[in-house]
Amino acid sequence: MAFNVRDLGKGSVRLLASVTVLAGLWFAFADMPSVAAETSDTQPSAGAPPPLAGDVPAKRVVIRFLTDSDFPPFNFYDEDGVLVGFNVDLARAICLELETSCDIKARPWEDLFKGLTSGEADAVIAAHRVTADAVEVVDFTDRYFHTPGRFAGRKDSTDVEISPAGLDGKRIAVAKGTPHEAFLKAFFRDSPLALFENADLAREALAAGNADYVFGDGISLAFWLNGTLSRQCCEMKGGPYLEPKFFGDGIAIAVPKTDPEVRRLLNQALKRVRASGRFEELVRRYFPVRIY
């Protein structure tokens, strides 16, 4: 079932935009699966043969990024019309590590891969999920973010184990036609599902007391819980679900299949951004609560 992190819905996008000023996420990036080990050591070990010339990507004068402008907090225009967001700042941090200039332009979501394959850009950093369909068109760097499924419940509810047995008979609100619905039908078969047209309505059902729990995207749930629409009714329950079959194999930077060197450059820079602590600093800036 196709799903992208962008499938949070316009209501969720507006919600995210209204609370991007919140801070305080403690982000355990090392706990995330499918992420390359952190390292800043680029020197060969003692006794190792020197790297071949072809093993060292050539330095670039500029890295040209494309993103879009309608997906806060990842990429959006602020009140002054300046393109900002987590992805935008991450691109700049990458360029700083590579000691190169950074050119970041916004394009409509549906034109991003077209711009990449036509040679307009060297990379696309717009929260693309790594999927089988996408890798037929572009290559990807190492994953830099994941989008877990999470449960939320009312703060005044009795604590129960968040498991198929613990939620037996509990009414769970979920947006229909989503990977989250498919996940619940596969693993929480004894829980009656309340299906809604979108995630906003599913969350409102929980806030109104018409469901015992809601299950959905952990990022949008985090912003909803800390925004005004939740009326501070609820909190995360249980832990994150990261099954790739349902929630994807993570978010990565898209690069052209014809340019393997830029992929190697970006992977090296991503490792150094993580090792320097800059990545965690960006996450704390743009996300309000711990989602993992």
Protein backbone atom coordinates (compact mmCIF):
# COMPACT_ATOMS: atom_id res chain seq x y z
CA MET A 1 0.00 0.00 0.00
CA ALA A 2 1.52 3.28 -1.14
CA PHE A 3 2.05 5.87 1.55
CA ASN A 4 4.21 8.94 1.93
CA VAL A 5 5.04 10.97 4.98
CA ARG A 6 3.31 13.82 3.18
CA ASP A 7 0.00 11.94 3.37
CA LEU A 8 -0.80 13.65 6.68
CA GLY A 9 -3.48 15.79 5.04
CA LYS A 10 -3.81 19.55 4.69
CA GLY A 11 -5.40 19.80 8.13
CA SER A 12 -2.30 18.25 9.63
CA VAL A 13 -0.07 20.56 7.59
CA ARG A 14 -1.88 23.59 8.98
CA LEU A 15 -1.61 22.09 12.46
CA LEU A 16 2.13 21.54 12.03
CA ALA A 17 2.60 25.11 10.83
CA SER A 18 0.84 26.49 13.89
CA VAL A 19 3.13 24.80 16.36
CA THR A 20 6.53 24.73 14.76
CA VAL A 21 7.71 27.23 17.36
CA LEU A 22 7.44 24.57 20.04
CA ALA A 23 10.64 22.92 21.15
CA GLY A 24 11.86 20.25 23.52
CA LEU A 25 12.11 17.00 21.57
CA TRP A 26 14.63 14.57 22.92
CA PHE A 27 15.48 12.56 19.83
CA ALA A 28 17.24 9.21 20.21
CA PHE A 29 18.49 9.02 16.65
CA ALA A 30 20.75 6.09 17.42
CA ASP A 31 17.68 3.99 18.29
CA MET A 32 16.28 4.29 14.79
CA PRO A 33 16.69 1.30 12.47
CA SER A 34 18.30 1.39 9.04
CA VAL A 35 20.52 4.33 9.95
CA ALA A 36 24.24 4.30 9.25
CA ALA A 37 26.50 4.23 12.32
CA GLU A 38 27.69 7.63 13.45
CA THR A 39 31.32 8.43 12.78
CA SER A 40 33.46 11.44 12.08
CA ASP A 41 36.66 9.51 11.48
CA THR A 42 37.51 9.68 7.79
CA GLN A 43 41.17 8.67 8.17
CA PRO A 44 42.33 5.20 7.08
CA SER A 45 43.25 2.81 9.87
CA ALA A 46 46.89 2.02 10.56
CA GLY A 47 48.32 -0.44 8.08
CA ALA A 48 45.39 -0.05 5.69
CA PRO A 49 46.20 0.63 2.03
CA PRO A 50 45.68 4.23 0.93
CA PRO A 51 42.30 4.89 -0.69
CA LEU A 52 42.17 4.77 -4.46
CA ALA A 53 41.61 8.06 -6.21
CA GLY A 54 38.19 6.85 -7.35
CA ASP A 55 37.14 6.20 -3.75
CA VAL A 56 37.21 9.90 -2.85
CA PRO A 57 34.32 11.87 -4.37
CA ALA A 58 35.40 15.06 -6.09
CA LYS A 59 34.58 18.27 -4.24
CA ARG A 60 31.74 20.32 -5.73
CA VAL A 61 31.58 24.09 -6.02
CA VAL A 62 27.83 24.01 -5.33
CA ILE A 63 25.19 21.44 -4.39
CA ARG A 64 21.82 22.24 -5.98
CA PHE A 65 18.86 21.07 -3.87
CA LEU A 66 15.17 21.03 -4.72
CA THR A 67 12.43 20.88 -2.10
CA ASP A 68 8.82 21.99 -1.89
CA SER A 69 7.28 24.73 0.22
CA ASP A 70 4.09 23.29 1.70
CA PHE A 71 5.08 20.68 4.25
CA PRO A 72 5.94 22.19 7.64
CA PRO A 73 7.99 21.64 9.65
CA PHE A 74 10.13 19.97 6.96
CA ASN A 75 9.96 22.69 4.29
CA PHE A 76 7.74 25.79 4.17
CA TYR A 77 7.71 29.58 3.78
CA ASP A 78 7.72 31.53 7.03
CA GLU A 79 5.75 34.72 7.70
CA ASP A 80 8.46 36.72 5.92
CA GLY A 81 8.31 34.57 2.79
CA VAL A 82 11.63 32.86 3.50
CA LEU A 83 12.00 29.16 2.70
CA VAL A 84 12.74 27.41 6.02
CA GLY A 85 12.29 24.07 7.74
CA PHE A 86 14.07 20.97 8.95
CA ASN A 87 15.02 19.80 5.46
CA VAL A 88 16.20 23.26 4.43
CA ASP A 89 18.47 23.60 7.45
CA LEU A 90 19.71 20.03 7.03
CA ALA A 91 20.68 20.81 3.42
CA ARG A 92 22.61 23.85 4.62
CA ALA A 93 24.36 21.80 7.30
CA ILE A 94 25.37 19.27 4.65
CA CYS A 95 26.82 22.00 2.45
CA LEU A 96 28.70 23.41 5.43
CA GLU A 97 30.27 20.01 6.08
CA LEU A 98 31.23 19.72 2.42
CA GLU A 99 32.60 23.28 2.39
CA THR A 100 30.55 24.07 -0.68
CA SER A 101 27.86 26.55 -1.68
CA CYS A 102 24.22 25.57 -1.23
CA ASP A 103 21.53 26.39 -3.77
CA ILE A 104 18.02 25.49 -2.51
CA LYS A 105 14.96 26.09 -4.67
CA ALA A 106 11.30 25.26 -4.08
CA ARG A 107 9.23 23.42 -6.68
CA PRO A 108 5.78 21.78 -6.56
CA TRP A 109 5.90 18.28 -5.07
CA GLU A 110 4.92 16.62 -8.35
CA ASP A 111 7.80 18.34 -10.20
CA LEU A 112 10.64 17.45 -7.84
CA PHE A 113 11.77 14.20 -9.45
CA LYS A 114 11.32 15.75 -12.90
CA GLY A 115 13.71 18.52 -11.91
CA LEU A 116 16.18 15.97 -10.61
CA THR A 117 16.18 13.70 -13.67
CA SER A 118 16.30 16.67 -16.07
CA GLY A 119 19.53 17.94 -14.53
CA GLU A 120 18.07 21.01 -12.82
CA ALA A 121 19.28 19.78 -9.42
CA ASP A 122 21.82 17.48 -7.79
CA ALA A 123 19.47 16.30 -5.03
CA VAL A 124 15.92 16.50 -3.70
CA ILE A 125 15.43 16.90 0.04
CA ALA A 126 11.67 16.97 0.63
CA ALA A 127 10.81 14.08 2.98
CA HIS A 128 10.56 11.44 0.27
CA ARG A 129 10.01 7.94 1.56
CA VAL A 130 12.17 5.19 0.06
CA THR A 131 9.80 2.97 -1.91
CA ALA A 132 10.12 0.37 -4.64
CA ASP A 133 8.41 2.71 -7.11
CA ALA A 134 10.70 5.62 -6.24
CA VAL A 135 13.95 3.65 -6.62
CA GLU A 136 12.99 2.84 -10.20
CA VAL A 137 13.33 6.55 -10.95
CA VAL A 138 15.99 7.87 -8.55
CA ASP A 139 18.62 6.71 -6.08
CA PHE A 140 18.60 7.60 -2.40
CA THR A 141 21.14 8.45 0.27
CA ASP A 142 21.22 6.79 3.68
CA ARG A 143 17.98 7.30 5.60
CA TYR A 144 17.93 10.33 7.84
CA PHE A 145 14.44 10.11 9.37
CA HIS A 146 11.68 7.57 10.05
CA THR A 147 7.92 7.99 10.45
CA PRO A 148 6.61 5.58 13.11
CA GLY A 149 3.04 4.59 13.78
CA ARG A 150 1.91 5.59 17.28
CA PHE A 151 -1.09 5.20 19.57
CA ALA A 152 -2.53 8.08 21.55
CA GLY A 153 -5.13 7.86 24.31
CA ARG A 154 -6.85 10.11 26.79
CA LYS A 155 -4.82 11.21 29.80
CA ASP A 156 -7.63 10.23 32.18
CA SER A 157 -7.95 6.69 30.83
CA THR A 158 -6.89 3.61 32.76
CA ASP A 159 -3.42 2.47 31.82
CA VAL A 160 -3.38 -0.76 29.84
CA GLU A 161 -0.69 -2.59 27.96
CA ILE A 162 -0.53 -1.30 24.39
CA SER A 163 -0.62 -4.67 22.68
CA PRO A 164 -3.20 -6.74 20.78
CA ALA A 165 -4.22 -8.43 24.05
CA GLY A 166 -4.21 -5.20 26.06
CA LEU A 167 -6.41 -3.40 23.54
CA ASP A 168 -8.83 -6.30 23.09
CA GLY A 169 -12.29 -4.73 22.77
CA LYS A 170 -10.97 -1.14 22.78
CA ARG A 171 -12.34 1.14 20.08
CA ILE A 172 -9.50 2.54 17.94
CA ALA A 173 -9.98 5.51 15.62
CA VAL A 174 -7.97 5.47 12.41
CA ALA A 175 -8.04 7.07 8.97
CA LYS A 176 -9.39 4.61 6.44
CA GLY A 177 -7.38 3.48 3.47
CA THR A 178 -4.07 4.16 5.22
CA PRO A 179 -1.20 1.86 6.21
CA HIS A 180 -2.28 2.49 9.81
CA GLU A 181 -5.66 0.89 9.14
CA ALA A 182 -3.94 -2.05 7.42
CA PHE A 183 -1.58 -2.47 10.37
CA LEU A 184 -4.45 -2.56 12.87
CA LYS A 185 -6.38 -5.09 10.79
CA ALA A 186 -3.29 -7.30 10.62
CA PHE A 187 -2.26 -7.22 14.29
CA PHE A 188 -5.10 -5.77 16.41
CA ARG A 189 -7.93 -7.93 15.08
CA ASP A 190 -9.90 -8.00 18.34
CA SER A 191 -10.15 -4.22 18.56
CA PRO A 192 -13.18 -2.62 16.87
CA LEU A 193 -12.03 0.06 14.45
CA ALA A 194 -13.71 3.43 13.99
CA LEU A 195 -12.84 4.42 10.41
CA PHE A 196 -12.72 8.08 9.38
CA GLU A 197 -12.17 9.92 6.12
CA ASN A 198 -8.93 11.46 7.35
CA ALA A 199 -6.56 11.55 10.32
CA ASP A 200 -7.93 14.87 11.60
CA LEU A 201 -11.39 13.35 12.12
CA ALA A 202 -9.91 10.26 13.77
CA ARG A 203 -8.01 12.39 16.27
CA GLU A 204 -11.10 14.51 16.97
CA ALA A 205 -13.04 11.33 17.78
CA LEU A 206 -10.51 10.57 20.51
CA ALA A 207 -10.65 14.13 21.86
CA ALA A 208 -14.46 13.97 21.94
CA GLY A 209 -14.48 10.66 23.80
CA ASN A 210 -15.89 8.69 20.85
CA ALA A 211 -12.90 6.36 20.72
CA ASP A 212 -10.60 4.82 23.29
CA TYR A 213 -7.44 5.32 21.22
CA VAL A 214 -6.30 6.74 17.93
CA PHE A 215 -3.57 5.21 15.78
CA GLY A 216 -1.71 7.21 13.18
CA ASP A 217 1.47 8.87 12.03
CA GLY A 218 3.71 9.64 15.00
CA ILE A 219 4.84 13.02 13.68
CA SER A 220 1.38 14.46 13.11
CA LEU A 221 0.16 12.97 16.39
CA ALA A 222 3.00 14.70 18.25
CA PHE A 223 2.04 18.10 16.86
CA TRP A 224 -1.66 17.51 17.47
CA LEU A 225 -1.06 16.55 21.11
CA ASN A 226 0.83 19.78 21.69
CA GLY A 227 -1.51 22.00 19.70
CA THR A 228 -4.80 23.66 20.53
CA LEU A 229 -7.00 21.20 18.59
CA SER A 230 -6.31 18.39 21.05
CA ARG A 231 -7.41 20.56 23.99
CA GLN A 232 -4.61 18.84 25.92
CA CYS A 233 -6.84 15.77 26.25
CA CYS A 234 -4.45 13.07 25.33
CA GLU A 235 -0.95 11.66 25.29
CA MET A 236 1.15 9.08 23.48
CA LYS A 237 0.52 5.52 24.62
CA GLY A 238 2.94 2.66 24.12
CA GLY A 239 5.96 2.76 21.88
CA PRO A 240 6.67 3.40 18.21
CA TYR A 241 5.91 0.93 15.43
CA LEU A 242 8.47 0.99 12.63
CA GLU A 243 7.50 -2.00 10.48
CA PRO A 244 8.79 -1.12 6.98
CA LYS A 245 6.00 -3.09 5.28
CA PHE A 246 3.45 -0.63 6.64
CA PHE A 247 5.33 2.54 7.52
CA GLY A 248 8.10 2.54 4.97
CA ASP A 249 11.85 2.23 5.01
CA GLY A 250 12.58 5.75 6.13
CA ILE A 251 13.10 9.16 4.55
CA ALA A 252 16.15 9.94 2.44
CA ILE A 253 17.57 12.45 0.00
CA ALA A 254 16.86 11.60 -3.63
CA VAL A 255 19.74 11.79 -6.12
CA PRO A 256 20.03 11.02 -9.85
CA LYS A 257 20.86 7.48 -10.88
CA THR A 258 23.41 9.00 -13.25
CA ASP A 259 25.44 10.66 -10.47
CA PRO A 260 26.68 8.13 -7.88
CA GLU A 261 29.36 10.58 -6.73
CA VAL A 262 26.85 13.04 -5.28
CA ARG A 263 25.25 10.21 -3.31
CA ARG A 264 28.62 9.37 -1.75
CA LEU A 265 29.29 13.02 -0.95
CA LEU A 266 25.92 13.44 0.75
CA ASN A 267 26.27 10.23 2.74
CA GLN A 268 29.65 11.36 4.05
CA ALA A 269 28.21 14.74 5.01
CA LEU A 270 25.16 13.19 6.72
CA LYS A 271 27.45 11.08 8.91
CA ARG A 272 29.44 14.13 9.91
CA VAL A 273 26.30 16.19 10.62
CA ARG A 274 25.08 13.45 12.95
CA ALA A 275 28.46 13.00 14.63
CA SER A 276 28.77 16.75 15.25
CA GLY A 277 25.45 16.91 17.10
CA ARG A 278 24.01 19.29 14.53
CA PHE A 279 21.34 16.80 13.45
CA GLU A 280 19.95 16.43 16.97
CA GLU A 281 19.99 20.21 17.35
CA LEU A 282 17.82 20.57 14.22
CA VAL A 283 15.36 17.94 15.40
CA ARG A 284 14.97 19.66 18.75
CA ARG A 285 14.32 22.94 16.95
CA TYR A 286 11.56 21.70 14.69
CA PHE A 287 9.73 18.95 16.61
CA PRO A 288 7.82 19.42 19.87
CA VAL A 289 7.87 16.02 21.55
CA ARG A 290 9.68 12.74 21.42
CA ILE A 291 8.12 10.56 18.70
CA TYR A 292 10.39 7.53 19.19
